[in-house]
Amino acid sequence: MKGTIMNAWISKITSYLNKFLEVGVLLLGVSVIAEILFGPNVPFFGSQVTNNIISLLNSLGNQGTAALIIVFAVLYVYRRFLK
């Protein structure tokens, strides 16, 4: 009895976290596209999202190897959880 209740809770929490991750990835994509189309001062999305992403990737490694690994990891997570 307790096992089935706990499995139901874990399943529900996992479902909520997957939806939250999906919304976050979609908002990130929309904000990058909006900044590319309308410039860096797009209302509702903050300012300079692409500059923040580029600075994050630059800080991960000067040679770019670490940044490339992170990009592949993000793509893996995106494909794995958002099918």
N, C-alpha and C. Protein backbone atom coordinates (compact mmCIF):
# COMPACT_ATOMS: atom_id res chain seq x y z
N MET A 1 0.83 -1.20 0.00
CA MET A 1 0.00 0.00 0.00
C MET A 1 0.86 1.25 0.00
N LYS A 2 1.85 1.32 0.91
CA LYS A 2 2.70 2.50 0.98
C LYS A 2 3.56 2.64 -0.26
N GLY A 3 3.97 1.50 -0.82
CA GLY A 3 4.80 1.54 -2.02
C GLY A 3 4.06 2.14 -3.21
N THR A 4 2.80 1.80 -3.36
CA THR A 4 2.04 2.33 -4.50
C THR A 4 1.75 3.81 -4.33
N ILE A 5 1.52 4.24 -3.10
CA ILE A 5 1.28 5.67 -2.85
C ILE A 5 2.54 6.46 -3.13
N MET A 6 3.69 5.92 -2.67
CA MET A 6 4.96 6.60 -2.89
C MET A 6 5.31 6.65 -4.39
N ASN A 7 5.05 5.56 -5.10
CA ASN A 7 5.30 5.54 -6.54
C ASN A 7 4.41 6.54 -7.27
N ALA A 8 3.18 6.68 -6.82
CA ALA A 8 2.28 7.66 -7.43
C ALA A 8 2.79 9.08 -7.20
N TRP A 9 3.26 9.36 -5.98
CA TRP A 9 3.81 10.69 -5.68
C TRP A 9 5.06 10.96 -6.50
N ILE A 10 5.95 10.01 -6.59
CA ILE A 10 7.17 10.18 -7.37
C ILE A 10 6.84 10.40 -8.83
N SER A 11 5.88 9.65 -9.34
CA SER A 11 5.47 9.81 -10.73
C SER A 11 4.87 11.20 -10.97
N LYS A 12 4.07 11.67 -10.04
CA LYS A 12 3.45 12.99 -10.17
C LYS A 12 4.50 14.10 -10.11
N ILE A 13 5.44 13.99 -9.17
CA ILE A 13 6.49 15.00 -9.04
C ILE A 13 7.38 15.00 -10.28
N THR A 14 7.72 13.82 -10.80
CA THR A 14 8.52 13.72 -12.02
C THR A 14 7.81 14.36 -13.19
N SER A 15 6.51 14.15 -13.27
CA SER A 15 5.72 14.76 -14.34
C SER A 15 5.75 16.28 -14.25
N TYR A 16 5.58 16.81 -13.03
CA TYR A 16 5.63 18.26 -12.84
C TYR A 16 7.00 18.83 -13.18
N LEU A 17 8.05 18.14 -12.77
CA LEU A 17 9.40 18.63 -13.08
C LEU A 17 9.69 18.60 -14.58
N ASN A 18 9.21 17.57 -15.27
CA ASN A 18 9.38 17.52 -16.73
C ASN A 18 8.64 18.66 -17.41
N LYS A 19 7.45 18.96 -16.96
CA LYS A 19 6.69 20.08 -17.54
C LYS A 19 7.39 21.41 -17.26
N PHE A 20 7.93 21.56 -16.05
CA PHE A 20 8.66 22.78 -15.70
C PHE A 20 9.90 22.93 -16.57
N LEU A 21 10.62 21.84 -16.80
CA LEU A 21 11.80 21.87 -17.66
C LEU A 21 11.41 22.21 -19.10
N GLU A 22 10.30 21.67 -19.56
CA GLU A 22 9.83 21.94 -20.91
C GLU A 22 9.48 23.42 -21.08
N VAL A 23 8.79 23.98 -20.11
CA VAL A 23 8.43 25.41 -20.17
C VAL A 23 9.69 26.27 -20.15
N GLY A 24 10.67 25.92 -19.31
CA GLY A 24 11.91 26.68 -19.24
C GLY A 24 12.68 26.67 -20.54
N VAL A 25 12.78 25.51 -21.17
CA VAL A 25 13.49 25.41 -22.44
C VAL A 25 12.75 26.19 -23.53
N LEU A 26 11.44 26.12 -23.54
CA LEU A 26 10.66 26.87 -24.52
C LEU A 26 10.81 28.37 -24.32
N LEU A 27 10.78 28.83 -23.07
CA LEU A 27 10.97 30.26 -22.81
C LEU A 27 12.37 30.73 -23.22
N LEU A 28 13.36 29.90 -22.98
CA LEU A 28 14.72 30.25 -23.39
C LEU A 28 14.80 30.37 -24.91
N GLY A 29 14.21 29.42 -25.61
CA GLY A 29 14.21 29.47 -27.08
C GLY A 29 13.46 30.68 -27.61
N VAL A 30 12.31 30.97 -27.05
CA VAL A 30 11.53 32.13 -27.50
C VAL A 30 12.28 33.43 -27.21
N SER A 31 12.94 33.51 -26.07
CA SER A 31 13.66 34.74 -25.75
C SER A 31 14.86 34.95 -26.66
N VAL A 32 15.55 33.88 -27.03
CA VAL A 32 16.67 34.01 -27.96
C VAL A 32 16.17 34.42 -29.34
N ILE A 33 15.11 33.81 -29.81
CA ILE A 33 14.55 34.16 -31.12
C ILE A 33 14.04 35.59 -31.11
N ALA A 34 13.36 36.00 -30.05
CA ALA A 34 12.85 37.37 -29.96
C ALA A 34 14.00 38.38 -29.95
N GLU A 35 15.10 38.05 -29.27
CA GLU A 35 16.23 38.97 -29.23
C GLU A 35 16.90 39.06 -30.60
N ILE A 36 16.97 37.95 -31.32
CA ILE A 36 17.56 37.98 -32.65
C ILE A 36 16.70 38.79 -33.60
N LEU A 37 15.39 38.65 -33.51
CA LEU A 37 14.49 39.35 -34.41
C LEU A 37 14.33 40.83 -34.08
N PHE A 38 14.22 41.17 -32.79
CA PHE A 38 13.85 42.52 -32.40
C PHE A 38 14.95 43.31 -31.71
N GLY A 39 16.12 42.72 -31.53
CA GLY A 39 17.21 43.45 -30.90
C GLY A 39 17.36 43.07 -29.44
N PRO A 40 18.39 43.64 -28.79
CA PRO A 40 18.72 43.21 -27.43
C PRO A 40 17.78 43.71 -26.33
N ASN A 41 16.99 44.71 -26.58
CA ASN A 41 16.12 45.28 -25.54
C ASN A 41 14.67 44.84 -25.73
N VAL A 42 14.44 43.54 -25.70
CA VAL A 42 13.10 43.00 -25.87
C VAL A 42 12.38 43.02 -24.52
N PRO A 43 11.20 43.64 -24.46
CA PRO A 43 10.47 43.62 -23.19
C PRO A 43 9.99 42.20 -22.85
N PHE A 44 9.74 41.95 -21.61
CA PHE A 44 9.21 40.71 -21.05
C PHE A 44 10.24 39.58 -20.94
N PHE A 45 11.40 39.67 -21.56
CA PHE A 45 12.36 38.58 -21.54
C PHE A 45 13.66 38.95 -20.86
N GLY A 46 13.77 40.12 -20.31
CA GLY A 46 15.05 40.54 -19.76
C GLY A 46 15.91 41.12 -20.88
N SER A 47 17.12 41.43 -20.56
CA SER A 47 17.96 42.05 -21.58
C SER A 47 19.13 41.15 -21.92
N GLN A 48 19.43 41.09 -23.17
CA GLN A 48 20.62 40.45 -23.72
C GLN A 48 20.77 39.00 -23.27
N VAL A 49 19.81 38.20 -23.62
CA VAL A 49 19.84 36.78 -23.28
C VAL A 49 20.98 36.10 -24.00
N THR A 50 21.18 36.43 -25.27
CA THR A 50 22.25 35.77 -26.03
C THR A 50 23.62 36.13 -25.48
N ASN A 51 23.80 37.37 -25.02
CA ASN A 51 25.09 37.74 -24.41
C ASN A 51 25.34 36.95 -23.14
N ASN A 52 24.29 36.71 -22.36
CA ASN A 52 24.45 35.91 -21.14
C ASN A 52 24.82 34.47 -21.47
N ILE A 53 24.20 33.90 -22.50
CA ILE A 53 24.52 32.53 -22.90
C ILE A 53 25.95 32.45 -23.42
N ILE A 54 26.35 33.43 -24.24
CA ILE A 54 27.71 33.44 -24.78
C ILE A 54 28.74 33.60 -23.67
N SER A 55 28.48 34.48 -22.72
CA SER A 55 29.43 34.65 -21.62
C SER A 55 29.50 33.40 -20.75
N LEU A 56 28.38 32.70 -20.58
CA LEU A 56 28.40 31.45 -19.84
C LEU A 56 29.25 30.41 -20.55
N LEU A 57 29.08 30.29 -21.86
CA LEU A 57 29.87 29.33 -22.62
C LEU A 57 31.35 29.71 -22.63
N ASN A 58 31.65 31.01 -22.71
CA ASN A 58 33.05 31.45 -22.68
C ASN A 58 33.70 31.19 -21.33
N SER A 59 32.93 31.31 -20.26
CA SER A 59 33.50 31.10 -18.93
C SER A 59 33.76 29.62 -18.65
N LEU A 60 33.12 28.73 -19.40
CA LEU A 60 33.31 27.30 -19.16
C LEU A 60 34.67 26.81 -19.64
N GLY A 61 35.25 27.48 -20.58
CA GLY A 61 36.56 27.04 -21.05
C GLY A 61 37.07 27.91 -22.16
N ASN A 62 38.34 28.27 -22.09
CA ASN A 62 38.92 29.11 -23.14
C ASN A 62 39.11 28.35 -24.44
N GLN A 63 39.35 27.06 -24.35
CA GLN A 63 39.59 26.29 -25.56
C GLN A 63 38.30 25.84 -26.23
N GLY A 64 37.21 25.94 -25.53
CA GLY A 64 35.92 25.60 -26.11
C GLY A 64 35.52 24.14 -25.93
N THR A 65 36.41 23.31 -25.44
CA THR A 65 36.09 21.90 -25.27
C THR A 65 35.00 21.70 -24.22
N ALA A 66 35.14 22.38 -23.11
CA ALA A 66 34.14 22.26 -22.05
C ALA A 66 32.80 22.82 -22.52
N ALA A 67 32.84 23.92 -23.25
CA ALA A 67 31.60 24.51 -23.76
C ALA A 67 30.91 23.56 -24.73
N LEU A 68 31.69 22.89 -25.55
CA LEU A 68 31.12 21.94 -26.50
C LEU A 68 30.48 20.76 -25.78
N ILE A 69 31.11 20.29 -24.71
CA ILE A 69 30.54 19.19 -23.93
C ILE A 69 29.23 19.63 -23.28
N ILE A 70 29.19 20.87 -22.77
CA ILE A 70 27.96 21.38 -22.15
C ILE A 70 26.84 21.50 -23.18
N VAL A 71 27.17 21.97 -24.38
CA VAL A 71 26.15 22.10 -25.43
C VAL A 71 25.59 20.73 -25.78
N PHE A 72 26.46 19.73 -25.90
CA PHE A 72 25.97 18.39 -26.20
C PHE A 72 25.15 17.83 -25.04
N ALA A 73 25.52 18.14 -23.81
CA ALA A 73 24.75 17.68 -22.66
C ALA A 73 23.36 18.31 -22.65
N VAL A 74 23.28 19.60 -22.96
CA VAL A 74 21.98 20.28 -23.02
C VAL A 74 21.12 19.69 -24.12
N LEU A 75 21.72 19.42 -25.28
CA LEU A 75 20.97 18.80 -26.37
C LEU A 75 20.49 17.40 -25.99
N TYR A 76 21.33 16.65 -25.29
CA TYR A 76 20.93 15.31 -24.84
C TYR A 76 19.74 15.39 -23.90
N VAL A 77 19.81 16.30 -22.93
CA VAL A 77 18.72 16.45 -21.97
C VAL A 77 17.45 16.90 -22.69
N TYR A 78 17.61 17.82 -23.63
CA TYR A 78 16.46 18.31 -24.39
C TYR A 78 15.79 17.18 -25.16
N ARG A 79 16.58 16.38 -25.85
CA ARG A 79 16.00 15.28 -26.63
C ARG A 79 15.46 14.17 -25.74
N ARG A 80 16.10 13.95 -24.61
CA ARG A 80 15.70 12.85 -23.73
C ARG A 80 14.37 13.14 -23.03
N PHE A 81 14.24 14.37 -22.53
CA PHE A 81 13.08 14.68 -21.71
C PHE A 81 11.94 15.37 -22.46
N LEU A 82 12.22 15.91 -23.62
CA LEU A 82 11.16 16.66 -24.32
C LEU A 82 10.76 16.00 -25.63
N LYS A 83 10.66 14.71 -25.63
CA LYS A 83 10.23 14.00 -26.85
C LYS A 83 8.74 14.11 -27.02
